[in-house]
C-alpha cells in the first residue's frame, strides 16, 4: 500500500493529511485524526497524490476562512 503523509498549515491550523493510492491512477486524500485513524470528513480524490491533497487543502482553506460581510 502506497501512502504519503504530510503536515499542512491552513489559516493558522495544522492538519495531518494522508494520500493513499486506491487504484493505479487514483489517489484518496483525507485528514488523519489525533488517534491515528481517518476522520469523518469526506475524502478527496485525484489522479496524483499531490492533486488529491491540493483538493482537500483548497476545501479546508475555504471552510476555515474568516467570514466576510457585505459592504
PDB file of N, CA and C in Angstrom:
ATOM      1  N   UNK A   1       0.847  -1.165   0.000  1.00  0.00           N
ATOM      2  CA  UNK A   1       0.000   0.000   0.000  1.00  0.00           C
ATOM      3  C   UNK A   1       0.901   1.241   0.000  1.00  0.00           C
ATOM      4  N   UNK A   2       0.658   2.159  -0.922  1.00  0.00           N
ATOM      5  CA  UNK A   2       1.434   3.387  -1.013  1.00  0.00           C
ATOM      6  C   UNK A   2       0.683   4.509  -0.326  1.00  0.00           C
ATOM      7  N   UNK A   3       1.316   5.125   0.686  1.00  0.00           N
ATOM      8  CA  UNK A   3       0.698   6.196   1.459  1.00  0.00           C
ATOM      9  C   UNK A   3       1.707   7.327   1.618  1.00  0.00           C
ATOM     10  N   UNK A   4       1.244   8.551   1.401  1.00  0.00           N
ATOM     11  CA  UNK A   4       2.052   9.743   1.664  1.00  0.00           C
ATOM     12  C   UNK A   4       1.390  10.489   2.811  1.00  0.00           C
ATOM     13  N   UNK A   5       2.176  10.927   3.780  1.00  0.00           N
ATOM     14  CA  UNK A   5       1.643  11.703   4.902  1.00  0.00           C
ATOM     15  C   UNK A   5       2.340  13.055   4.904  1.00  0.00           C
ATOM     16  N   UNK A   6       1.541  14.124   4.989  1.00  0.00           N
ATOM     17  CA  UNK A   6       2.104  15.467   5.054  1.00  0.00           C
ATOM     18  C   UNK A   6       1.433  16.241   6.178  1.00  0.00           C
ATOM     19  N   UNK A   7       2.130  17.274   6.640  1.00  0.00           N
ATOM     20  CA  UNK A   7       1.557  18.194   7.612  1.00  0.00           C
ATOM     21  C   UNK A   7       1.368  19.516   6.887  1.00  0.00           C
ATOM     22  N   UNK A   8       0.174  20.068   6.979  1.00  0.00           N
ATOM     23  CA  UNK A   8      -0.166  21.287   6.242  1.00  0.00           C
ATOM     24  C   UNK A   8      -0.740  22.313   7.204  1.00  0.00           C
ATOM     25  N   UNK A   9      -0.253  23.554   7.137  1.00  0.00           N
ATOM     26  CA  UNK A   9      -0.799  24.636   7.944  1.00  0.00           C
ATOM     27  C   UNK A   9      -1.746  25.448   7.073  1.00  0.00           C
ATOM     28  N   UNK A  10      -2.998  25.572   7.537  1.00  0.00           N
ATOM     29  CA  UNK A  10      -4.031  26.285   6.783  1.00  0.00           C
ATOM     30  C   UNK A  10      -4.732  27.235   7.729  1.00  0.00           C
ATOM     31  N   UNK A  11      -4.690  28.521   7.412  1.00  0.00           N
ATOM     32  CA  UNK A  11      -5.322  29.557   8.235  1.00  0.00           C
ATOM     33  C   UNK A  11      -4.961  29.414   9.713  1.00  0.00           C
ATOM     34  N   UNK A  12      -3.690  29.144   9.983  1.00  0.00           N
ATOM     35  CA  UNK A  12      -3.216  29.070  11.355  1.00  0.00           C
ATOM     36  C   UNK A  12      -3.447  27.746  12.068  1.00  0.00           C
ATOM     37  N   UNK A  13      -4.038  26.778  11.400  1.00  0.00           N
ATOM     38  CA  UNK A  13      -4.264  25.455  12.000  1.00  0.00           C
ATOM     39  C   UNK A  13      -3.397  24.430  11.274  1.00  0.00           C
ATOM     40  N   UNK A  14      -2.891  23.459  12.021  1.00  0.00           N
ATOM     41  CA  UNK A  14      -2.055  22.415  11.437  1.00  0.00           C
ATOM     42  C   UNK A  14      -2.878  21.150  11.246  1.00  0.00           C
ATOM     43  N   UNK A  15      -2.778  20.574  10.059  1.00  0.00           N
ATOM     44  CA  UNK A  15      -3.521  19.359   9.720  1.00  0.00           C
ATOM     45  C   UNK A  15      -2.548  18.267   9.296  1.00  0.00           C
ATOM     46  N   UNK A  16      -2.858  17.035   9.661  1.00  0.00           N
ATOM     47  CA  UNK A  16      -2.158  15.856   9.174  1.00  0.00           C
ATOM     48  C   UNK A  16      -3.009  15.283   8.042  1.00  0.00           C
ATOM     49  N   UNK A  17      -2.430  15.181   6.867  1.00  0.00           N
ATOM     50  CA  UNK A  17      -3.156  14.690   5.694  1.00  0.00           C
ATOM     51  C   UNK A  17      -2.430  13.465   5.167  1.00  0.00           C
ATOM     52  N   UNK A  18      -3.195  12.443   4.825  1.00  0.00           N
ATOM     53  CA  UNK A  18      -2.643  11.259   4.162  1.00  0.00           C
ATOM     54  C   UNK A  18      -3.244  11.153   2.780  1.00  0.00           C
ATOM     55  N   UNK A  19      -2.423  10.721   1.840  1.00  0.00           N
ATOM     56  CA  UNK A  19      -2.887  10.396   0.487  1.00  0.00           C
ATOM     57  C   UNK A  19      -2.526   8.941   0.244  1.00  0.00           C
ATOM     58  N   UNK A  20      -3.518   8.176  -0.181  1.00  0.00           N
ATOM     59  CA  UNK A  20      -3.337   6.735  -0.372  1.00  0.00           C
ATOM     60  C   UNK A  20      -3.703   6.355  -1.806  1.00  0.00           C
ATOM     61  N   UNK A  21      -2.882   5.540  -2.413  1.00  0.00           N
ATOM     62  CA  UNK A  21      -3.152   5.023  -3.743  1.00  0.00           C
ATOM     63  C   UNK A  21      -4.256   3.978  -3.629  1.00  0.00           C
ATOM     64  N   UNK A  22      -5.396   4.216  -4.305  1.00  0.00           N
ATOM     65  CA  UNK A  22      -6.522   3.285  -4.220  1.00  0.00           C
ATOM     66  C   UNK A  22      -6.754   2.536  -5.526  1.00  0.00           C
ATOM     67  N   UNK A  23      -6.262   3.041  -6.620  1.00  0.00           N
ATOM     68  CA  UNK A  23      -6.279   2.403  -7.937  1.00  0.00           C
ATOM     69  C   UNK A  23      -4.998   2.847  -8.644  1.00  0.00           C
ATOM     70  N   UNK A  24      -4.639   2.222  -9.753  1.00  0.00           N
ATOM     71  CA  UNK A  24      -3.395   2.622 -10.422  1.00  0.00           C
ATOM     72  C   UNK A  24      -3.296   4.116 -10.737  1.00  0.00           C
ATOM     73  N   UNK A  25      -4.403   4.778 -11.008  1.00  0.00           N
ATOM     74  CA  UNK A  25      -4.366   6.211 -11.320  1.00  0.00           C
ATOM     75  C   UNK A  25      -5.349   7.003 -10.465  1.00  0.00           C
ATOM     76  N   UNK A  26      -5.536   6.586  -9.222  1.00  0.00           N
ATOM     77  CA  UNK A  26      -6.495   7.269  -8.347  1.00  0.00           C
ATOM     78  C   UNK A  26      -5.962   7.297  -6.916  1.00  0.00           C
ATOM     79  N   UNK A  27      -5.841   8.505  -6.383  1.00  0.00           N
ATOM     80  CA  UNK A  27      -5.379   8.726  -5.019  1.00  0.00           C
ATOM     81  C   UNK A  27      -6.507   9.305  -4.186  1.00  0.00           C
ATOM     82  N   UNK A  28      -6.534   8.945  -2.922  1.00  0.00           N
ATOM     83  CA  UNK A  28      -7.527   9.474  -1.983  1.00  0.00           C
ATOM     84  C   UNK A  28      -6.780  10.221  -0.884  1.00  0.00           C
ATOM     85  N   UNK A  29      -7.171  11.480  -0.640  1.00  0.00           N
ATOM     86  CA  UNK A  29      -6.569  12.272   0.439  1.00  0.00           C
ATOM     87  C   UNK A  29      -7.609  12.481   1.521  1.00  0.00           C
ATOM     88  N   UNK A  30      -7.160  12.392   2.769  1.00  0.00           N
ATOM     89  CA  UNK A  30      -8.078  12.544   3.902  1.00  0.00           C
ATOM     90  C   UNK A  30      -7.299  13.043   5.102  1.00  0.00           C
ATOM     91  N   UNK A  31      -8.032  13.632   6.058  1.00  0.00           N
ATOM     92  CA  UNK A  31      -7.415  14.094   7.293  1.00  0.00           C
ATOM     93  C   UNK A  31      -7.190  12.913   8.215  1.00  0.00           C
ATOM     94  N   UNK A  32      -6.108  12.959   8.958  1.00  0.00           N
ATOM     95  CA  UNK A  32      -5.803  11.935   9.951  1.00  0.00           C
ATOM     96  C   UNK A  32      -6.164  12.499  11.313  1.00  0.00           C
ATOM     97  N   UNK A  33      -6.903  11.740  12.105  1.00  0.00           N
ATOM     98  CA  UNK A  33      -7.288  12.199  13.440  1.00  0.00           C
ATOM     99  C   UNK A  33      -6.106  12.084  14.387  1.00  0.00           C
ATOM    100  N   UNK A  34      -6.224  12.688  15.548  1.00  0.00           N
ATOM    101  CA  UNK A  34      -5.145  12.620  16.534  1.00  0.00           C
ATOM    102  C   UNK A  34      -4.931  11.195  17.026  1.00  0.00           C
ATOM    103  N   UNK A  35      -5.963  10.344  16.920  1.00  0.00           N
ATOM    104  CA  UNK A  35      -5.836   8.949  17.330  1.00  0.00           C
ATOM    105  C   UNK A  35      -5.171   8.089  16.250  1.00  0.00           C
ATOM    106  N   UNK A  36      -4.913   8.692  15.074  1.00  0.00           N
ATOM    107  CA  UNK A  36      -4.214   7.967  14.021  1.00  0.00           C
ATOM    108  C   UNK A  36      -5.076   7.420  12.909  1.00  0.00           C
ATOM    109  N   UNK A  37      -6.395   7.380  13.087  1.00  0.00           N
ATOM    110  CA  UNK A  37      -7.278   6.904  12.029  1.00  0.00           C
ATOM    111  C   UNK A  37      -7.789   8.056  11.191  1.00  0.00           C
ATOM    112  N   UNK A  38      -8.558   7.744  10.156  1.00  0.00           N
ATOM    113  CA  UNK A  38      -9.118   8.816   9.334  1.00  0.00           C
ATOM    114  C   UNK A  38     -10.274   9.481  10.078  1.00  0.00           C
ATOM    115  N   UNK A  39     -10.609  10.684   9.646  1.00  0.00           N
ATOM    116  CA  UNK A  39     -11.694  11.434  10.263  1.00  0.00           C
ATOM    117  C   UNK A  39     -12.988  11.188   9.492  1.00  0.00           C
ATOM    118  N   UNK A  40     -14.063  11.788   9.957  1.00  0.00           N
ATOM    119  CA  UNK A  40     -15.354  11.638   9.292  1.00  0.00           C
ATOM    120  C   UNK A  40     -15.466  12.528   8.061  1.00  0.00           C
ATOM    121  N   UNK A  41     -14.494  13.422   7.850  1.00  0.00           N
ATOM    122  CA  UNK A  41     -14.520  14.297   6.680  1.00  0.00           C
ATOM    123  C   UNK A  41     -14.409  13.459   5.417  1.00  0.00           C
ATOM    124  N   UNK A  42     -15.214  13.806   4.410  1.00  0.00           N
ATOM    125  CA  UNK A  42     -15.182  13.045   3.162  1.00  0.00           C
ATOM    126  C   UNK A  42     -13.793  13.111   2.535  1.00  0.00           C
ATOM    127  N   UNK A  43     -13.375  12.050   1.871  1.00  0.00           N
ATOM    128  CA  UNK A  43     -12.080  12.066   1.205  1.00  0.00           C
ATOM    129  C   UNK A  43     -12.152  12.845  -0.106  1.00  0.00           C
ATOM    130  N   UNK A  44     -11.015  13.270  -0.598  1.00  0.00           N
ATOM    131  CA  UNK A  44     -10.907  13.954  -1.876  1.00  0.00           C
ATOM    132  C   UNK A  44     -10.025  13.104  -2.777  1.00  0.00           C
ATOM    133  N   UNK A  45     -10.367  13.050  -4.063  1.00  0.00           N
ATOM    134  CA  UNK A  45      -9.680  12.170  -4.999  1.00  0.00           C
ATOM    135  C   UNK A  45      -8.955  12.952  -6.083  1.00  0.00           C
ATOM    136  N   UNK A  46      -7.895  12.365  -6.625  1.00  0.00           N
ATOM    137  CA  UNK A  46      -7.163  12.939  -7.743  1.00  0.00           C
ATOM    138  C   UNK A  46      -6.360  11.864  -8.438  1.00  0.00           C
ATOM    139  N   UNK A  47      -5.801  12.208  -9.600  1.00  0.00           N
ATOM    140  CA  UNK A  47      -5.002  11.232 -10.349  1.00  0.00           C
ATOM    141  C   UNK A  47      -3.590  11.115  -9.799  1.00  0.00           C
ATOM    142  N   UNK A  48      -3.184  12.079  -8.955  1.00  0.00           N
ATOM    143  CA  UNK A  48      -1.890  12.010  -8.265  1.00  0.00           C
ATOM    144  C   UNK A  48      -2.128  12.308  -6.787  1.00  0.00           C
ATOM    145  N   UNK A  49      -1.167  11.941  -5.950  1.00  0.00           N
ATOM    146  CA  UNK A  49      -1.269  12.251  -4.520  1.00  0.00           C
ATOM    147  C   UNK A  49      -1.330  13.761  -4.324  1.00  0.00           C
ATOM    148  N   UNK A  50      -0.513  14.494  -5.064  1.00  0.00           N
ATOM    149  CA  UNK A  50      -0.464  15.951  -4.933  1.00  0.00           C
ATOM    150  C   UNK A  50      -1.804  16.588  -5.301  1.00  0.00           C
ATOM    151  N   UNK A  51      -2.438  16.085  -6.356  1.00  0.00           N
ATOM    152  CA  UNK A  51      -3.732  16.630  -6.776  1.00  0.00           C
ATOM    153  C   UNK A  51      -4.811  16.366  -5.724  1.00  0.00           C
ATOM    154  N   UNK A  52      -4.838  15.182  -5.171  1.00  0.00           N
ATOM    155  CA  UNK A  52      -5.832  14.860  -4.143  1.00  0.00           C
ATOM    156  C   UNK A  52      -5.618  15.721  -2.901  1.00  0.00           C
ATOM    157  N   UNK A  53      -4.360  15.872  -2.470  1.00  0.00           N
ATOM    158  CA  UNK A  53      -4.045  16.698  -1.300  1.00  0.00           C
ATOM    159  C   UNK A  53      -4.411  18.153  -1.583  1.00  0.00           C
ATOM    160  N   UNK A  54      -4.135  18.642  -2.788  1.00  0.00           N
ATOM    161  CA  UNK A  54      -4.456  20.028  -3.124  1.00  0.00           C
ATOM    162  C   UNK A  54      -5.960  20.277  -3.074  1.00  0.00           C
ATOM    163  N   UNK A  55      -6.758  19.328  -3.536  1.00  0.00           N
ATOM    164  CA  UNK A  55      -8.213  19.485  -3.471  1.00  0.00           C
ATOM    165  C   UNK A  55      -8.691  19.555  -2.023  1.00  0.00           C
ATOM    166  N   UNK A  56      -8.145  18.708  -1.171  1.00  0.00           N
ATOM    167  CA  UNK A  56      -8.503  18.739   0.246  1.00  0.00           C
ATOM    168  C   UNK A  56      -8.040  20.047   0.887  1.00  0.00           C
ATOM    169  N   UNK A  57      -6.824  20.473   0.576  1.00  0.00           N
ATOM    170  CA  UNK A  57      -6.295  21.727   1.107  1.00  0.00           C
ATOM    171  C   UNK A  57      -7.143  22.918   0.664  1.00  0.00           C
ATOM    172  N   UNK A  58      -7.537  22.946  -0.605  1.00  0.00           N
ATOM    173  CA  UNK A  58      -8.396  24.030  -1.101  1.00  0.00           C
ATOM    174  C   UNK A  58      -9.707  24.080  -0.329  1.00  0.00           C
ATOM    175  N   UNK A  59     -10.304  22.923  -0.088  1.00  0.00           N
ATOM    176  CA  UNK A  59     -11.577  22.881   0.637  1.00  0.00           C
ATOM    177  C   UNK A  59     -11.394  23.370   2.075  1.00  0.00           C
ATOM    178  N   UNK A  60     -10.342  22.921   2.745  1.00  0.00           N
ATOM    179  CA  UNK A  60     -10.089  23.354   4.120  1.00  0.00           C
ATOM    180  C   UNK A  60      -9.841  24.863   4.188  1.00  0.00           C
ATOM    181  N   UNK A  61      -9.147  25.401   3.197  1.00  0.00           N
ATOM    182  CA  UNK A  61      -8.893  26.838   3.151  1.00  0.00           C
ATOM    183  C   UNK A  61     -10.209  27.603   3.073  1.00  0.00           C
ATOM    184  N   UNK A  62     -11.095  27.165   2.211  1.00  0.00           N
ATOM    185  CA  UNK A  62     -12.406  27.823   2.088  1.00  0.00           C
ATOM    186  C   UNK A  62     -13.247  27.634   3.341  1.00  0.00           C
ATOM    187  N   UNK A  63     -13.228  26.439   3.898  1.00  0.00           N
ATOM    188  CA  UNK A  63     -14.070  26.133   5.054  1.00  0.00           C
ATOM    189  C   UNK A  63     -13.651  26.884   6.308  1.00  0.00           C
ATOM    190  N   UNK A  64     -12.379  27.226   6.414  1.00  0.00           N
ATOM    191  CA  UNK A  64     -11.882  27.864   7.632  1.00  0.00           C
ATOM    192  C   UNK A  64     -11.477  29.319   7.434  1.00  0.00           C
ATOM    193  N   UNK A  65     -12.004  29.952   6.387  1.00  0.00           N
ATOM    194  CA  UNK A  65     -11.775  31.378   6.189  1.00  0.00           C
ATOM    195  C   UNK A  65     -12.588  32.172   7.193  1.00  0.00           C
ATOM    196  N   UNK A  66     -12.075  33.315   7.613  1.00  0.00           N
ATOM    197  CA  UNK A  66     -12.916  34.190   8.424  1.00  0.00           C
ATOM    198  C   UNK A  66     -14.108  34.648   7.578  1.00  0.00           C
ATOM    199  N   UNK A  67     -15.272  34.823   8.189  1.00  0.00           N
ATOM    200  CA  UNK A  67     -16.435  35.244   7.398  1.00  0.00           C
ATOM    201  C   UNK A  67     -16.230  36.643   6.834  1.00  0.00           C
ATOM    202  N   UNK A  68     -16.779  36.863   5.664  1.00  0.00           N
ATOM    203  CA  UNK A  68     -16.757  38.191   5.069  1.00  0.00           C
ATOM    204  C   UNK A  68     -18.152  38.768   5.131  1.00  0.00           C
ATOM    205  N   UNK A  69     -18.234  40.033   5.367  1.00  0.00           N
ATOM    206  CA  UNK A  69     -19.522  40.699   5.493  1.00  0.00           C
ATOM    207  C   UNK A  69     -19.694  41.659   4.325  1.00  0.00           C
ATOM    208  N   UNK A  70     -20.903  41.724   3.762  1.00  0.00           N
ATOM    209  CA  UNK A  70     -21.120  42.635   2.645  1.00  0.00           C
ATOM    210  C   UNK A  70     -20.951  44.097   3.087  1.00  0.00           C
ATOM    211  N   UNK A  71     -20.512  44.903   2.179  1.00  0.00           N
ATOM    212  CA  UNK A  71     -20.286  46.331   2.499  1.00  0.00           C
ATOM    213  C   UNK A  71     -21.557  47.107   2.302  1.00  0.00           C
TER     214      UNK A  71
END
